Amino acid sequence: MKIEIQLTALTPKGNIVIGKLPLFLDLEKPIFNVHSGGIELTARENQVMKLIVQGKCNKEIASTLELSERTVKFYASSLYQKYQVDGRGQLVHRLSLLGEAEADISK
């Protein structure tokens, strides 16, 4: 996916466009996600995180994402490590403090 960012400079006479910067995104690689508290998550980690916040158990997450429960546990553990928490409850609490849990439930 290609997007273009316009670079501007603020001058006494107003904004001046100083260039354009093409940005190429590979959606298969980890992405910086504004809904993750500034923590880099893969697309799959983000999906698992949203379902955890919605109160889904590992079996439900596995069924929804067509994964094994063991794989879901792997992603959950990765999230716990990235957010420096010991479990689901602490993860949801940390996300709520970051203002992320409510944003993710509505999606």
Protein backbone atom coordinates (compact mmCIF):
# COMPACT_ATOMS: atom_id res chain seq x y z
CA MET A 1 0.00 0.00 0.00
CA LYS A 2 1.36 3.41 -0.90
CA ILE A 3 0.37 6.67 0.76
CA GLU A 4 1.90 10.09 0.36
CA ILE A 5 2.76 12.52 3.14
CA GLN A 6 2.91 16.22 2.35
CA LEU A 7 5.73 18.08 4.10
CA THR A 8 5.07 21.71 4.97
CA ALA A 9 7.03 24.47 6.64
CA LEU A 10 5.54 27.26 8.73
CA THR A 11 6.81 30.68 7.67
CA PRO A 12 5.78 34.21 8.66
CA LYS A 13 3.79 34.34 5.41
CA GLY A 14 2.03 31.02 6.07
CA ASN A 15 2.56 27.36 5.31
CA ILE A 16 4.73 26.39 2.34
CA VAL A 17 4.72 22.90 0.82
CA ILE A 18 8.35 21.78 0.75
CA GLY A 19 7.86 18.30 -0.63
CA LYS A 20 5.99 15.05 -0.68
CA LEU A 21 7.17 11.81 0.85
CA PRO A 22 5.91 8.48 -0.48
CA LEU A 23 5.33 5.87 2.22
CA PHE A 24 5.01 2.19 1.41
CA LEU A 25 3.35 -0.10 3.96
CA ASP A 26 3.73 -3.87 4.05
CA LEU A 27 0.63 -5.01 5.90
CA GLU A 28 2.11 -8.46 6.57
CA LYS A 29 4.83 -7.04 8.82
CA PRO A 30 4.39 -5.67 12.35
CA ILE A 31 2.86 -2.22 12.32
CA PHE A 32 2.77 0.64 14.76
CA ASN A 33 -0.79 0.78 15.93
CA VAL A 34 -2.23 3.93 17.45
CA HIS A 35 -4.70 1.80 19.41
CA SER A 36 -1.98 -0.13 21.21
CA GLY A 37 -0.62 2.44 23.61
CA GLY A 38 2.38 3.08 21.38
CA ILE A 39 3.46 -0.58 21.51
CA GLU A 40 4.29 -2.30 18.23
CA LEU A 41 1.82 -5.11 17.57
CA THR A 42 1.38 -7.49 14.67
CA ALA A 43 -2.01 -7.51 12.98
CA ARG A 44 -2.79 -10.86 14.65
CA GLU A 45 -1.77 -9.62 18.12
CA ASN A 46 -4.10 -6.68 17.59
CA GLN A 47 -6.97 -9.03 16.69
CA VAL A 48 -6.34 -11.19 19.76
CA MET A 49 -6.06 -8.11 21.98
CA LYS A 50 -9.45 -6.79 20.80
CA LEU A 51 -11.12 -10.12 21.52
CA ILE A 52 -9.51 -10.35 24.98
CA VAL A 53 -10.84 -6.87 25.77
CA GLN A 54 -14.30 -8.03 24.68
CA GLY A 55 -14.07 -10.76 27.34
CA LYS A 56 -13.63 -13.72 24.99
CA CYS A 57 -11.92 -16.85 26.34
CA ASN A 58 -9.09 -18.58 24.47
CA LYS A 59 -11.47 -21.15 22.97
CA GLU A 60 -13.76 -18.42 21.59
CA ILE A 61 -10.81 -16.44 20.23
CA ALA A 62 -9.42 -19.58 18.59
CA SER A 63 -12.77 -20.30 16.95
CA THR A 64 -13.25 -16.70 15.78
CA LEU A 65 -9.75 -16.40 14.28
CA GLU A 66 -9.56 -20.04 13.13
CA LEU A 67 -6.48 -20.75 15.27
CA SER A 68 -5.59 -23.43 17.80
CA GLU A 69 -6.03 -22.58 21.48
CA ARG A 70 -2.28 -23.05 21.90
CA THR A 71 -1.61 -20.37 19.25
CA VAL A 72 -4.02 -18.01 21.00
CA LYS A 73 -2.15 -18.62 24.28
CA PHE A 74 1.10 -17.76 22.46
CA TYR A 75 -0.32 -14.43 21.23
CA ALA A 76 -1.81 -13.65 24.64
CA SER A 77 1.57 -14.32 26.30
CA SER A 78 3.23 -12.05 23.78
CA LEU A 79 0.74 -9.29 24.63
CA TYR A 80 1.32 -9.78 28.38
CA GLN A 81 5.06 -9.43 27.83
CA LYS A 82 4.76 -6.34 25.63
CA TYR A 83 2.43 -4.60 28.09
CA GLN A 84 4.45 -5.87 31.09
CA VAL A 85 1.49 -7.54 32.80
CA ASP A 86 0.91 -10.96 34.35
CA GLY A 87 -2.44 -11.87 32.83
CA ARG A 88 -5.71 -11.01 31.13
CA GLY A 89 -7.15 -8.87 33.90
CA GLN A 90 -4.01 -6.77 34.17
CA LEU A 91 -3.87 -6.42 30.36
CA VAL A 92 -7.45 -5.11 30.20
CA HIS A 93 -6.74 -2.80 33.14
CA ARG A 94 -3.57 -1.45 31.49
CA LEU A 95 -5.42 -0.90 28.21
CA SER A 96 -8.23 0.91 30.04
CA LEU A 97 -5.66 3.20 31.66
CA LEU A 98 -4.27 3.92 28.19
CA GLY A 99 -7.82 4.55 26.94
CA GLU A 100 -7.54 1.65 24.50
CA ALA A 101 -10.00 -0.89 25.88
CA GLU A 102 -13.05 1.26 25.27
CA ALA A 103 -11.90 2.21 21.78
CA ASP A 104 -11.35 -1.43 20.84
CA ILE A 105 -14.68 -2.71 22.19
CA SER A 106 -16.59 -0.35 19.92
CA LYS A 107 -14.91 -1.71 16.77
